[in-house]
Amino acid sequence: MTGIALIDYGAGNLHSVHNALRKAGADDVTITADADRVRRADRIVLPGVGAFRACRDALVAIPGMVDAMGEAVNGRGTPFLGVCVGMQLLADAGEEFGRHDGLGWIPGTVRLIEPADPAIKVPHMGWNDVALEGAPPLLEAGEAYFLHSYHFDAAEPAHIAATTTHGGPLVAAVARDTIIGCQFHPEKSQRYGLAFLSRFLDWRP
């Protein structure tokens, strides 16, 4: 096994996530675009900012990467964390600039935030509460930093691990088996984010 694989597919928050993982206690995190290394990793982290389609296309363009992720996570149960668009890519599809396939690991669709109140601005940007749904792994209630215009519309309520509110409820985190994804940015969420990442590093699902 090869420690923590932080997947490098050109995501803009790659290095800030790397730095946050190190601050959270990781001493074996490797930034990599090597599918075989990802396949053999103890844990996998998929960062992401920007448009769903661009991130999906960049990930798919790495030879063998999506298959390696699937073998590790869905085959062996390797703990996986998706951050922001890295979480959104878990969905069946995203609707940004047309409809585009996601990984399909957690049923749902990534849709534009459309608040009923026109005074509520999009993107959803800044600090906001994280409220737990049920007893999700790793998460605690608190306040985290968000920056997104699209949200994960989960098909199964059981997969919603946490919510936040911005002109209505939005999914803040999803979880299934050894997979967790957060819409908030732990790398920008100071103590709350570092504590979350620390728990991910210790997670033994």
N, C-alpha and C. Protein backbone atom coordinates (compact mmCIF):
# COMPACT_ATOMS: atom_id res chain seq x y z
N MET A 1 0.84 -1.19 0.00
CA MET A 1 0.00 0.00 0.00
C MET A 1 0.89 1.25 0.00
N THR A 2 0.29 2.37 -0.42
CA THR A 2 1.13 3.55 -0.67
C THR A 2 0.64 4.80 0.03
N GLY A 3 0.02 4.69 1.19
CA GLY A 3 -0.39 5.87 1.91
C GLY A 3 -1.57 6.57 1.25
N ILE A 4 -1.57 7.90 1.32
CA ILE A 4 -2.69 8.70 0.82
C ILE A 4 -2.38 9.20 -0.58
N ALA A 5 -3.29 8.92 -1.52
CA ALA A 5 -3.15 9.40 -2.89
C ALA A 5 -4.06 10.61 -3.07
N LEU A 6 -3.48 11.77 -3.32
CA LEU A 6 -4.23 12.98 -3.65
C LEU A 6 -4.17 13.13 -5.16
N ILE A 7 -5.32 12.93 -5.81
CA ILE A 7 -5.32 12.80 -7.27
C ILE A 7 -5.09 14.14 -7.95
N ASP A 8 -4.11 14.16 -8.82
CA ASP A 8 -3.73 15.36 -9.58
C ASP A 8 -4.32 15.27 -10.98
N TYR A 9 -5.40 16.02 -11.19
CA TYR A 9 -5.97 16.11 -12.53
C TYR A 9 -6.18 17.57 -12.92
N GLY A 10 -5.38 18.44 -12.30
CA GLY A 10 -5.39 19.85 -12.62
C GLY A 10 -6.34 20.68 -11.79
N ALA A 11 -6.87 20.13 -10.70
CA ALA A 11 -7.81 20.87 -9.86
C ALA A 11 -7.12 22.06 -9.20
N GLY A 12 -7.82 23.18 -9.17
CA GLY A 12 -7.23 24.41 -8.67
C GLY A 12 -6.93 24.40 -7.18
N ASN A 13 -7.60 23.54 -6.42
CA ASN A 13 -7.36 23.52 -4.98
C ASN A 13 -6.45 22.37 -4.55
N LEU A 14 -5.75 21.78 -5.51
CA LEU A 14 -4.92 20.61 -5.23
C LEU A 14 -3.90 20.88 -4.13
N HIS A 15 -3.13 21.93 -4.27
CA HIS A 15 -2.03 22.16 -3.33
C HIS A 15 -2.54 22.67 -1.98
N SER A 16 -3.64 23.41 -1.97
CA SER A 16 -4.19 23.84 -0.68
C SER A 16 -4.76 22.65 0.08
N VAL A 17 -5.36 21.69 -0.63
CA VAL A 17 -5.82 20.47 0.03
C VAL A 17 -4.64 19.67 0.55
N HIS A 18 -3.57 19.59 -0.24
CA HIS A 18 -2.36 18.89 0.20
C HIS A 18 -1.82 19.51 1.48
N ASN A 19 -1.72 20.84 1.51
CA ASN A 19 -1.21 21.51 2.70
C ASN A 19 -2.10 21.28 3.90
N ALA A 20 -3.43 21.28 3.68
CA ALA A 20 -4.35 21.05 4.79
C ALA A 20 -4.23 19.63 5.32
N LEU A 21 -4.07 18.64 4.43
CA LEU A 21 -3.87 17.26 4.89
C LEU A 21 -2.61 17.14 5.73
N ARG A 22 -1.55 17.83 5.32
CA ARG A 22 -0.32 17.78 6.10
C ARG A 22 -0.53 18.42 7.48
N LYS A 23 -1.24 19.55 7.50
CA LYS A 23 -1.51 20.21 8.79
C LYS A 23 -2.39 19.35 9.68
N ALA A 24 -3.23 18.53 9.05
CA ALA A 24 -4.14 17.67 9.81
C ALA A 24 -3.43 16.42 10.34
N GLY A 25 -2.18 16.22 9.93
CA GLY A 25 -1.41 15.11 10.48
C GLY A 25 -0.93 14.08 9.49
N ALA A 26 -1.22 14.26 8.20
CA ALA A 26 -0.78 13.29 7.19
C ALA A 26 0.71 13.47 6.92
N ASP A 27 1.47 12.38 7.01
CA ASP A 27 2.89 12.45 6.69
C ASP A 27 3.23 11.56 5.50
N ASP A 28 2.19 11.01 4.85
CA ASP A 28 2.43 10.09 3.74
C ASP A 28 1.51 10.38 2.56
N VAL A 29 1.20 11.66 2.35
CA VAL A 29 0.30 12.05 1.27
C VAL A 29 1.11 12.37 0.01
N THR A 30 0.69 11.80 -1.11
CA THR A 30 1.39 11.98 -2.37
C THR A 30 0.45 12.54 -3.42
N ILE A 31 0.85 13.65 -4.04
CA ILE A 31 0.11 14.18 -5.19
C ILE A 31 0.47 13.32 -6.39
N THR A 32 -0.54 12.74 -7.06
CA THR A 32 -0.22 11.78 -8.11
C THR A 32 -1.28 11.74 -9.21
N ALA A 33 -0.83 11.48 -10.42
CA ALA A 33 -1.70 11.18 -11.56
C ALA A 33 -1.43 9.76 -12.05
N ASP A 34 -0.82 8.95 -11.20
CA ASP A 34 -0.46 7.57 -11.52
C ASP A 34 -1.60 6.65 -11.08
N ALA A 35 -2.31 6.07 -12.05
CA ALA A 35 -3.46 5.23 -11.73
C ALA A 35 -3.08 4.04 -10.86
N ASP A 36 -1.92 3.47 -11.09
CA ASP A 36 -1.52 2.30 -10.31
C ASP A 36 -1.27 2.68 -8.85
N ARG A 37 -0.70 3.85 -8.65
CA ARG A 37 -0.47 4.31 -7.27
C ARG A 37 -1.79 4.55 -6.55
N VAL A 38 -2.75 5.11 -7.27
CA VAL A 38 -4.07 5.33 -6.70
C VAL A 38 -4.72 3.98 -6.37
N ARG A 39 -4.58 3.03 -7.25
CA ARG A 39 -5.16 1.69 -7.05
C ARG A 39 -4.63 1.05 -5.76
N ARG A 40 -3.36 1.33 -5.40
CA ARG A 40 -2.73 0.68 -4.26
C ARG A 40 -2.74 1.53 -2.98
N ALA A 41 -3.38 2.70 -3.06
CA ALA A 41 -3.33 3.63 -1.92
C ALA A 41 -4.15 3.14 -0.73
N ASP A 42 -3.76 3.59 0.46
CA ASP A 42 -4.52 3.32 1.68
C ASP A 42 -5.76 4.20 1.76
N ARG A 43 -5.67 5.42 1.22
CA ARG A 43 -6.77 6.38 1.20
C ARG A 43 -6.64 7.19 -0.07
N ILE A 44 -7.79 7.68 -0.56
CA ILE A 44 -7.81 8.46 -1.79
C ILE A 44 -8.56 9.76 -1.54
N VAL A 45 -8.00 10.87 -2.02
CA VAL A 45 -8.65 12.17 -1.92
C VAL A 45 -8.76 12.76 -3.32
N LEU A 46 -9.97 13.18 -3.69
CA LEU A 46 -10.23 13.81 -4.98
C LEU A 46 -10.65 15.25 -4.74
N PRO A 47 -9.77 16.23 -5.03
CA PRO A 47 -10.14 17.63 -4.86
C PRO A 47 -10.96 18.09 -6.06
N GLY A 48 -11.22 19.38 -6.14
CA GLY A 48 -11.93 19.89 -7.30
C GLY A 48 -12.53 21.26 -7.09
N VAL A 49 -12.32 22.14 -8.06
CA VAL A 49 -13.02 23.42 -8.13
C VAL A 49 -13.29 23.69 -9.60
N GLY A 50 -14.28 24.55 -9.85
CA GLY A 50 -14.59 24.89 -11.24
C GLY A 50 -15.82 24.17 -11.75
N ALA A 51 -15.88 23.97 -13.06
CA ALA A 51 -17.06 23.40 -13.70
C ALA A 51 -17.02 21.87 -13.66
N PHE A 52 -18.19 21.27 -13.46
CA PHE A 52 -18.33 19.82 -13.38
C PHE A 52 -17.74 19.16 -14.63
N ARG A 53 -18.14 19.62 -15.81
CA ARG A 53 -17.69 18.96 -17.04
C ARG A 53 -16.18 19.03 -17.20
N ALA A 54 -15.59 20.18 -16.94
CA ALA A 54 -14.14 20.33 -17.10
C ALA A 54 -13.40 19.38 -16.16
N CYS A 55 -13.88 19.28 -14.92
CA CYS A 55 -13.23 18.38 -13.96
C CYS A 55 -13.42 16.92 -14.37
N ARG A 56 -14.64 16.58 -14.80
CA ARG A 56 -14.90 15.21 -15.24
C ARG A 56 -14.01 14.84 -16.43
N ASP A 57 -13.93 15.75 -17.40
CA ASP A 57 -13.13 15.46 -18.60
C ASP A 57 -11.65 15.30 -18.25
N ALA A 58 -11.16 16.14 -17.33
CA ALA A 58 -9.75 16.05 -16.95
C ALA A 58 -9.45 14.76 -16.22
N LEU A 59 -10.38 14.32 -15.38
CA LEU A 59 -10.19 13.07 -14.65
C LEU A 59 -10.21 11.87 -15.59
N VAL A 60 -11.18 11.85 -16.49
CA VAL A 60 -11.32 10.75 -17.45
C VAL A 60 -10.12 10.68 -18.40
N ALA A 61 -9.49 11.82 -18.65
CA ALA A 61 -8.37 11.88 -19.59
C ALA A 61 -7.11 11.20 -19.06
N ILE A 62 -7.04 10.95 -17.76
CA ILE A 62 -5.86 10.27 -17.20
C ILE A 62 -6.01 8.77 -17.43
N PRO A 63 -5.12 8.14 -18.19
CA PRO A 63 -5.29 6.72 -18.53
C PRO A 63 -5.47 5.83 -17.31
N GLY A 64 -6.57 5.09 -17.27
CA GLY A 64 -6.81 4.11 -16.23
C GLY A 64 -7.24 4.65 -14.89
N MET A 65 -7.36 5.99 -14.75
CA MET A 65 -7.60 6.55 -13.42
C MET A 65 -8.97 6.20 -12.87
N VAL A 66 -10.02 6.37 -13.66
CA VAL A 66 -11.36 6.09 -13.15
C VAL A 66 -11.51 4.61 -12.79
N ASP A 67 -10.96 3.72 -13.60
CA ASP A 67 -10.99 2.30 -13.28
C ASP A 67 -10.22 2.00 -12.00
N ALA A 68 -9.07 2.63 -11.83
CA ALA A 68 -8.26 2.42 -10.63
C ALA A 68 -9.00 2.88 -9.38
N MET A 69 -9.65 4.04 -9.47
CA MET A 69 -10.44 4.54 -8.35
C MET A 69 -11.56 3.56 -8.00
N GLY A 70 -12.26 3.08 -9.03
CA GLY A 70 -13.36 2.16 -8.80
C GLY A 70 -12.91 0.85 -8.17
N GLU A 71 -11.79 0.33 -8.64
CA GLU A 71 -11.26 -0.92 -8.07
C GLU A 71 -10.91 -0.74 -6.60
N ALA A 72 -10.27 0.39 -6.29
CA ALA A 72 -9.84 0.63 -4.91
C ALA A 72 -11.04 0.87 -3.99
N VAL A 73 -11.91 1.77 -4.41
CA VAL A 73 -12.98 2.23 -3.51
C VAL A 73 -14.15 1.24 -3.49
N ASN A 74 -14.66 0.89 -4.65
CA ASN A 74 -15.83 0.01 -4.71
C ASN A 74 -15.46 -1.47 -4.64
N GLY A 75 -14.22 -1.78 -5.02
CA GLY A 75 -13.77 -3.16 -4.97
C GLY A 75 -13.19 -3.55 -3.63
N ARG A 76 -12.22 -2.77 -3.14
CA ARG A 76 -11.53 -3.11 -1.89
C ARG A 76 -12.03 -2.34 -0.68
N GLY A 77 -12.82 -1.29 -0.90
CA GLY A 77 -13.30 -0.50 0.23
C GLY A 77 -12.29 0.49 0.75
N THR A 78 -11.43 1.01 -0.11
CA THR A 78 -10.46 2.03 0.29
C THR A 78 -11.20 3.31 0.69
N PRO A 79 -10.91 3.89 1.85
CA PRO A 79 -11.55 5.15 2.23
C PRO A 79 -11.30 6.25 1.20
N PHE A 80 -12.37 6.97 0.86
CA PHE A 80 -12.32 7.98 -0.20
C PHE A 80 -12.96 9.26 0.28
N LEU A 81 -12.31 10.39 -0.03
CA LEU A 81 -12.86 11.71 0.27
C LEU A 81 -12.89 12.53 -1.00
N GLY A 82 -14.08 13.06 -1.34
CA GLY A 82 -14.22 14.01 -2.44
C GLY A 82 -14.51 15.38 -1.89
N VAL A 83 -13.81 16.40 -2.40
CA VAL A 83 -13.93 17.76 -1.89
C VAL A 83 -14.51 18.67 -2.97
N CYS A 84 -15.59 19.37 -2.67
CA CYS A 84 -16.26 20.32 -3.54
C CYS A 84 -16.64 19.64 -4.86
N VAL A 85 -16.07 20.02 -5.99
CA VAL A 85 -16.41 19.34 -7.24
C VAL A 85 -15.97 17.87 -7.18
N GLY A 86 -14.96 17.56 -6.41
CA GLY A 86 -14.58 16.17 -6.20
C GLY A 86 -15.69 15.37 -5.56
N MET A 87 -16.51 16.02 -4.74
CA MET A 87 -17.72 15.39 -4.21
C MET A 87 -18.79 15.32 -5.28
N GLN A 88 -18.99 16.38 -6.03
CA GLN A 88 -20.04 16.41 -7.04
C GLN A 88 -19.84 15.34 -8.11
N LEU A 89 -18.60 15.01 -8.41
CA LEU A 89 -18.32 13.99 -9.42
C LEU A 89 -18.80 12.60 -8.99
N LEU A 90 -19.12 12.42 -7.72
CA LEU A 90 -19.66 11.15 -7.26
C LEU A 90 -21.06 10.89 -7.81
N ALA A 91 -21.75 11.94 -8.23
CA ALA A 91 -23.13 11.84 -8.68
C ALA A 91 -23.25 11.12 -10.02
N ASP A 92 -24.49 10.79 -10.37
CA ASP A 92 -24.75 10.19 -11.68
C ASP A 92 -24.45 11.16 -12.81
N ALA A 93 -24.78 12.44 -12.59
CA ALA A 93 -24.63 13.44 -13.65
C ALA A 93 -24.58 14.83 -13.06
N GLY A 94 -24.06 15.76 -13.86
CA GLY A 94 -24.06 17.18 -13.52
C GLY A 94 -24.68 17.97 -14.65
N GLU A 95 -25.38 19.06 -14.31
CA GLU A 95 -26.11 19.83 -15.31
C GLU A 95 -25.45 21.16 -15.66
N GLU A 96 -24.21 21.35 -15.29
CA GLU A 96 -23.50 22.59 -15.60
C GLU A 96 -23.03 22.56 -17.04
N PHE A 97 -23.45 23.55 -17.85
CA PHE A 97 -23.11 23.60 -19.28
C PHE A 97 -23.56 22.32 -20.00
N GLY A 98 -24.82 21.94 -19.78
CA GLY A 98 -25.34 20.70 -20.35
C GLY A 98 -25.28 19.58 -19.34
N ARG A 99 -25.83 18.43 -19.72
CA ARG A 99 -25.84 17.28 -18.81
C ARG A 99 -24.66 16.36 -19.12
N HIS A 100 -23.90 16.02 -18.09
CA HIS A 100 -22.69 15.24 -18.27
C HIS A 100 -22.61 14.16 -17.21
N ASP A 101 -22.14 12.99 -17.59
CA ASP A 101 -22.06 11.86 -16.67
C ASP A 101 -21.03 12.10 -15.57
N GLY A 102 -21.38 11.67 -14.36
CA GLY A 102 -20.43 11.62 -13.27
C GLY A 102 -19.96 10.19 -13.06
N LEU A 103 -19.36 9.93 -11.90
CA LEU A 103 -18.89 8.58 -11.60
C LEU A 103 -20.03 7.62 -11.30
N GLY A 104 -21.16 8.14 -10.81
CA GLY A 104 -22.30 7.30 -10.50
C GLY A 104 -22.12 6.47 -9.23
N TRP A 105 -21.27 6.90 -8.32
CA TRP A 105 -21.04 6.15 -7.08
C TRP A 105 -22.12 6.42 -6.04
N ILE A 106 -22.69 7.63 -6.06
CA ILE A 106 -23.78 7.98 -5.15
C ILE A 106 -24.89 8.56 -6.01
N PRO A 107 -26.06 7.92 -6.06
CA PRO A 107 -27.12 8.37 -6.96
C PRO A 107 -27.55 9.82 -6.70
N GLY A 108 -27.68 10.57 -7.79
CA GLY A 108 -28.11 11.95 -7.67
C GLY A 108 -27.64 12.76 -8.86
N THR A 109 -28.05 14.02 -8.88
CA THR A 109 -27.72 14.93 -9.97
C THR A 109 -27.24 16.25 -9.39
N VAL A 110 -26.20 16.82 -9.98
CA VAL A 110 -25.68 18.11 -9.55
C VAL A 110 -26.40 19.20 -10.34
N ARG A 111 -27.16 20.04 -9.61
CA ARG A 111 -28.02 21.04 -10.24
C ARG A 111 -27.68 22.45 -9.77
N LEU A 112 -28.09 23.44 -10.56
CA LEU A 112 -27.90 24.84 -10.20
C LEU A 112 -28.68 25.17 -8.93
N ILE A 113 -28.07 25.93 -8.04
CA ILE A 113 -28.78 26.44 -6.87
C ILE A 113 -29.77 27.49 -7.35
N GLU A 114 -31.04 27.29 -7.01
CA GLU A 114 -32.09 28.21 -7.44
C GLU A 114 -32.95 28.61 -6.24
N PRO A 115 -32.50 29.60 -5.47
CA PRO A 115 -33.26 30.01 -4.28
C PRO A 115 -34.62 30.59 -4.66
N ALA A 116 -35.62 30.32 -3.83
CA ALA A 116 -36.94 30.89 -4.07
C ALA A 116 -36.92 32.41 -3.90
N ASP A 117 -36.07 32.89 -3.02
CA ASP A 117 -35.95 34.33 -2.76
C ASP A 117 -34.88 34.91 -3.68
N PRO A 118 -35.26 35.82 -4.60
CA PRO A 118 -34.26 36.39 -5.53
C PRO A 118 -33.19 37.22 -4.84
N ALA A 119 -33.42 37.57 -3.58
CA ALA A 119 -32.41 38.33 -2.83
C ALA A 119 -31.25 37.45 -2.39
N ILE A 120 -31.44 36.14 -2.42
CA ILE A 120 -30.36 35.22 -2.05
C ILE A 120 -29.42 35.06 -3.24
N LYS A 121 -28.18 35.39 -3.04
CA LYS A 121 -27.22 35.41 -4.14
C LYS A 121 -26.62 34.03 -4.41
N VAL A 122 -26.34 33.79 -5.66
CA VAL A 122 -25.60 32.61 -6.11
C VAL A 122 -24.38 33.11 -6.86
N PRO A 123 -23.17 32.62 -6.55
CA PRO A 123 -22.88 31.42 -5.78
C PRO A 123 -23.09 31.57 -4.27
N HIS A 124 -23.26 30.42 -3.63
CA HIS A 124 -23.27 30.32 -2.18
C HIS A 124 -21.81 30.44 -1.74
N MET A 125 -21.48 31.54 -1.10
CA MET A 125 -20.07 31.80 -0.78
C MET A 125 -19.94 32.31 0.64
N GLY A 126 -19.04 31.69 1.38
CA GLY A 126 -18.73 32.15 2.73
C GLY A 126 -19.00 31.07 3.77
N TRP A 127 -18.96 31.49 5.03
CA TRP A 127 -19.13 30.57 6.14
C TRP A 127 -20.61 30.27 6.36
N ASN A 128 -20.92 29.00 6.64
CA ASN A 128 -22.30 28.62 6.88
C ASN A 128 -22.32 27.38 7.77
N ASP A 129 -23.46 27.17 8.42
CA ASP A 129 -23.60 26.05 9.33
C ASP A 129 -23.63 24.72 8.59
N VAL A 130 -23.07 23.70 9.21
CA VAL A 130 -23.16 22.31 8.75
C VAL A 130 -24.01 21.58 9.78
N ALA A 131 -25.19 21.10 9.35
CA ALA A 131 -26.11 20.38 10.23
C ALA A 131 -26.10 18.91 9.85
N LEU A 132 -25.97 18.04 10.82
CA LEU A 132 -25.85 16.62 10.56
C LEU A 132 -27.20 15.99 10.25
N GLU A 133 -27.16 14.99 9.38
CA GLU A 133 -28.32 14.17 9.07
C GLU A 133 -28.02 12.75 9.58
N GLY A 134 -28.80 12.29 10.54
CA GLY A 134 -28.54 10.97 11.10
C GLY A 134 -27.24 10.96 11.88
N ALA A 135 -26.47 9.89 11.73
CA ALA A 135 -25.19 9.73 12.42
C ALA A 135 -24.10 9.46 11.39
N PRO A 136 -23.74 10.48 10.61
CA PRO A 136 -22.78 10.27 9.54
C PRO A 136 -21.37 10.05 10.07
N PRO A 137 -20.51 9.38 9.29
CA PRO A 137 -19.12 9.21 9.72
C PRO A 137 -18.35 10.53 9.62
N LEU A 138 -17.43 10.72 10.53
CA LEU A 138 -16.42 11.78 10.48
C LEU A 138 -16.92 13.18 10.76
N LEU A 139 -18.18 13.47 10.47
CA LEU A 139 -18.67 14.84 10.52
C LEU A 139 -19.12 15.24 11.92
N GLU A 140 -18.97 16.53 12.20
CA GLU A 140 -19.53 17.14 13.39
C GLU A 140 -20.28 18.39 12.97
N ALA A 141 -21.29 18.76 13.73
CA ALA A 141 -21.98 20.02 13.48
C ALA A 141 -21.00 21.16 13.71
N GLY A 142 -21.13 22.21 12.92
CA GLY A 142 -20.22 23.34 13.05
C GLY A 142 -20.41 24.32 11.92
N GLU A 143 -19.37 25.05 11.62
CA GLU A 143 -19.42 26.07 10.58
C GLU A 143 -18.24 25.86 9.64
N ALA A 144 -18.53 25.85 8.32
CA ALA A 144 -17.50 25.60 7.32
C ALA A 144 -17.61 26.61 6.19
N TYR A 145 -16.58 26.63 5.35
CA TYR A 145 -16.54 27.59 4.25
C TYR A 145 -17.02 26.93 2.96
N PHE A 146 -17.96 27.60 2.29
CA PHE A 146 -18.55 27.11 1.05
C PHE A 146 -18.27 28.08 -0.10
N LEU A 147 -18.14 27.53 -1.30
CA LEU A 147 -18.08 28.34 -2.52
C LEU A 147 -18.56 27.47 -3.68
N HIS A 148 -19.84 27.62 -4.05
CA HIS A 148 -20.39 26.80 -5.14
C HIS A 148 -21.68 27.41 -5.66
N SER A 149 -21.93 27.15 -6.95
CA SER A 149 -23.17 27.57 -7.60
C SER A 149 -24.08 26.39 -7.89
N TYR A 150 -23.54 25.19 -7.84
CA TYR A 150 -24.30 23.96 -8.09
C TYR A 150 -24.28 23.11 -6.83
N HIS A 151 -25.34 22.31 -6.67
CA HIS A 151 -25.46 21.51 -5.45
C HIS A 151 -25.80 20.07 -5.81
N PHE A 152 -25.49 19.17 -4.90
CA PHE A 152 -25.72 17.74 -5.09
C PHE A 152 -27.15 17.42 -4.65
N ASP A 153 -28.00 17.10 -5.61
CA ASP A 153 -29.37 16.70 -5.34
C ASP A 153 -29.39 15.18 -5.23
N ALA A 154 -29.25 14.69 -4.01
CA ALA A 154 -29.11 13.25 -3.79
C ALA A 154 -30.44 12.53 -4.00
N ALA A 155 -30.39 11.39 -4.69
CA ALA A 155 -31.60 10.61 -4.97
C ALA A 155 -32.08 9.85 -3.75
N GLU A 156 -31.16 9.49 -2.85
CA GLU A 156 -31.49 8.70 -1.67
C GLU A 156 -31.18 9.50 -0.41
N PRO A 157 -32.21 9.82 0.39
CA PRO A 157 -31.96 10.58 1.62
C PRO A 157 -30.93 9.93 2.53
N ALA A 158 -30.82 8.61 2.49
CA ALA A 158 -29.87 7.92 3.35
C ALA A 158 -28.43 8.30 3.05
N HIS A 159 -28.16 8.82 1.86
CA HIS A 159 -26.80 9.19 1.47
C HIS A 159 -26.45 10.63 1.88
N ILE A 160 -27.43 11.38 2.37
CA ILE A 160 -27.18 12.76 2.80
C ILE A 160 -26.61 12.72 4.22
N ALA A 161 -25.36 13.14 4.35
CA ALA A 161 -24.69 13.10 5.65
C ALA A 161 -24.82 14.41 6.41
N ALA A 162 -24.96 15.51 5.69
CA ALA A 162 -25.08 16.82 6.33
C ALA A 162 -25.71 17.80 5.35
N THR A 163 -26.32 18.83 5.90
CA THR A 163 -26.93 19.87 5.08
C THR A 163 -26.47 21.24 5.55
N THR A 164 -26.70 22.22 4.69
CA THR A 164 -26.53 23.61 5.05
C THR A 164 -27.74 24.35 4.48
N THR A 165 -27.85 25.64 4.72
CA THR A 165 -29.01 26.40 4.25
C THR A 165 -28.55 27.64 3.51
N HIS A 166 -29.06 27.79 2.28
CA HIS A 166 -28.79 29.00 1.49
C HIS A 166 -29.99 29.18 0.56
N GLY A 167 -31.01 29.90 1.06
CA GLY A 167 -32.25 30.03 0.31
C GLY A 167 -33.03 28.73 0.29
N GLY A 168 -32.77 27.86 1.25
CA GLY A 168 -33.35 26.53 1.32
C GLY A 168 -32.26 25.54 1.66
N PRO A 169 -32.63 24.31 1.99
CA PRO A 169 -31.61 23.32 2.36
C PRO A 169 -30.78 22.87 1.17
N LEU A 170 -29.50 22.71 1.38
CA LEU A 170 -28.57 22.18 0.38
C LEU A 170 -27.74 21.08 1.02
N VAL A 171 -27.34 20.11 0.24
CA VAL A 171 -26.49 19.04 0.75
C VAL A 171 -25.09 19.58 1.01
N ALA A 172 -24.61 19.38 2.22
CA ALA A 172 -23.25 19.79 2.58
C ALA A 172 -22.27 18.63 2.53
N ALA A 173 -22.80 17.40 2.65
CA ALA A 173 -21.94 16.22 2.59
C ALA A 173 -22.78 15.00 2.25
N VAL A 174 -22.15 14.07 1.56
CA VAL A 174 -22.78 12.78 1.24
C VAL A 174 -21.87 11.67 1.74
N ALA A 175 -22.44 10.50 1.98
CA ALA A 175 -21.63 9.38 2.46
C ALA A 175 -22.29 8.06 2.10
N ARG A 176 -21.45 7.09 1.80
CA ARG A 176 -21.90 5.71 1.57
C ARG A 176 -20.71 4.79 1.79
N ASP A 177 -20.89 3.78 2.63
CA ASP A 177 -19.84 2.79 2.86
C ASP A 177 -18.53 3.48 3.23
N THR A 178 -17.49 3.35 2.40
CA THR A 178 -16.20 3.97 2.70
C THR A 178 -15.98 5.27 1.93
N ILE A 179 -17.08 5.84 1.43
CA ILE A 179 -17.02 7.06 0.62
C ILE A 179 -17.64 8.21 1.40
N ILE A 180 -16.95 9.35 1.42
CA ILE A 180 -17.54 10.57 1.96
C ILE A 180 -17.15 11.72 1.06
N GLY A 181 -18.09 12.62 0.84
CA GLY A 181 -17.82 13.80 0.04
C GLY A 181 -18.35 15.03 0.75
N CYS A 182 -17.62 16.12 0.69
CA CYS A 182 -18.06 17.35 1.34
C CYS A 182 -18.13 18.48 0.31
N GLN A 183 -19.24 19.22 0.33
CA GLN A 183 -19.39 20.38 -0.54
C GLN A 183 -18.56 21.55 -0.03
N PHE A 184 -18.42 21.65 1.27
CA PHE A 184 -17.60 22.72 1.85
C PHE A 184 -16.12 22.44 1.58
N HIS A 185 -15.31 23.47 1.78
CA HIS A 185 -13.86 23.36 1.57
C HIS A 185 -13.17 23.18 2.92
N PRO A 186 -12.77 21.96 3.28
CA PRO A 186 -12.08 21.79 4.56
C PRO A 186 -10.77 22.55 4.60
N GLU A 187 -10.13 22.70 3.44
CA GLU A 187 -8.85 23.40 3.40
C GLU A 187 -8.99 24.89 3.67
N LYS A 188 -10.23 25.42 3.62
CA LYS A 188 -10.48 26.83 3.92
C LYS A 188 -11.30 27.01 5.19
N SER A 189 -11.59 25.91 5.87
CA SER A 189 -12.51 25.95 7.01
C SER A 189 -11.79 25.93 8.35
N GLN A 190 -10.52 26.29 8.36
CA GLN A 190 -9.75 26.48 9.58
C GLN A 190 -9.88 25.28 10.53
N ARG A 191 -10.15 25.51 11.80
CA ARG A 191 -10.16 24.41 12.77
C ARG A 191 -11.18 23.34 12.42
N TYR A 192 -12.35 23.78 11.97
CA TYR A 192 -13.39 22.80 11.62
C TYR A 192 -12.90 21.88 10.51
N GLY A 193 -12.32 22.46 9.47
CA GLY A 193 -11.85 21.67 8.34
C GLY A 193 -10.69 20.76 8.69
N LEU A 194 -9.75 21.25 9.48
CA LEU A 194 -8.60 20.43 9.85
C LEU A 194 -9.03 19.27 10.75
N ALA A 195 -10.00 19.52 11.63
CA ALA A 195 -10.49 18.44 12.49
C ALA A 195 -11.18 17.36 11.65
N PHE A 196 -11.94 17.78 10.65
CA PHE A 196 -12.60 16.83 9.74
C PHE A 196 -11.56 16.00 8.99
N LEU A 197 -10.53 16.65 8.45
CA LEU A 197 -9.49 15.92 7.73
C LEU A 197 -8.74 14.97 8.65
N SER A 198 -8.50 15.38 9.89
CA SER A 198 -7.83 14.51 10.85
C SER A 198 -8.64 13.25 11.11
N ARG A 199 -9.94 13.41 11.22
CA ARG A 199 -10.79 12.23 11.42
C ARG A 199 -10.78 11.33 10.19
N PHE A 200 -10.71 11.92 9.00
CA PHE A 200 -10.62 11.10 7.79
C PHE A 200 -9.32 10.29 7.79
N LEU A 201 -8.23 10.90 8.23
CA LEU A 201 -6.95 10.19 8.25
C LEU A 201 -6.97 9.00 9.20
N ASP A 202 -7.79 9.10 10.25
CA ASP A 202 -7.88 8.01 11.24
C ASP A 202 -9.02 7.03 10.96
N TRP A 203 -9.79 7.30 9.93
CA TRP A 203 -11.02 6.54 9.67
C TRP A 203 -10.72 5.07 9.35
N ARG A 204 -11.40 4.19 10.04
CA ARG A 204 -11.29 2.75 9.77
C ARG A 204 -12.70 2.19 9.54
N PRO A 205 -13.32 2.50 8.39
CA PRO A 205 -14.70 2.08 8.18
C PRO A 205 -14.83 0.57 8.01
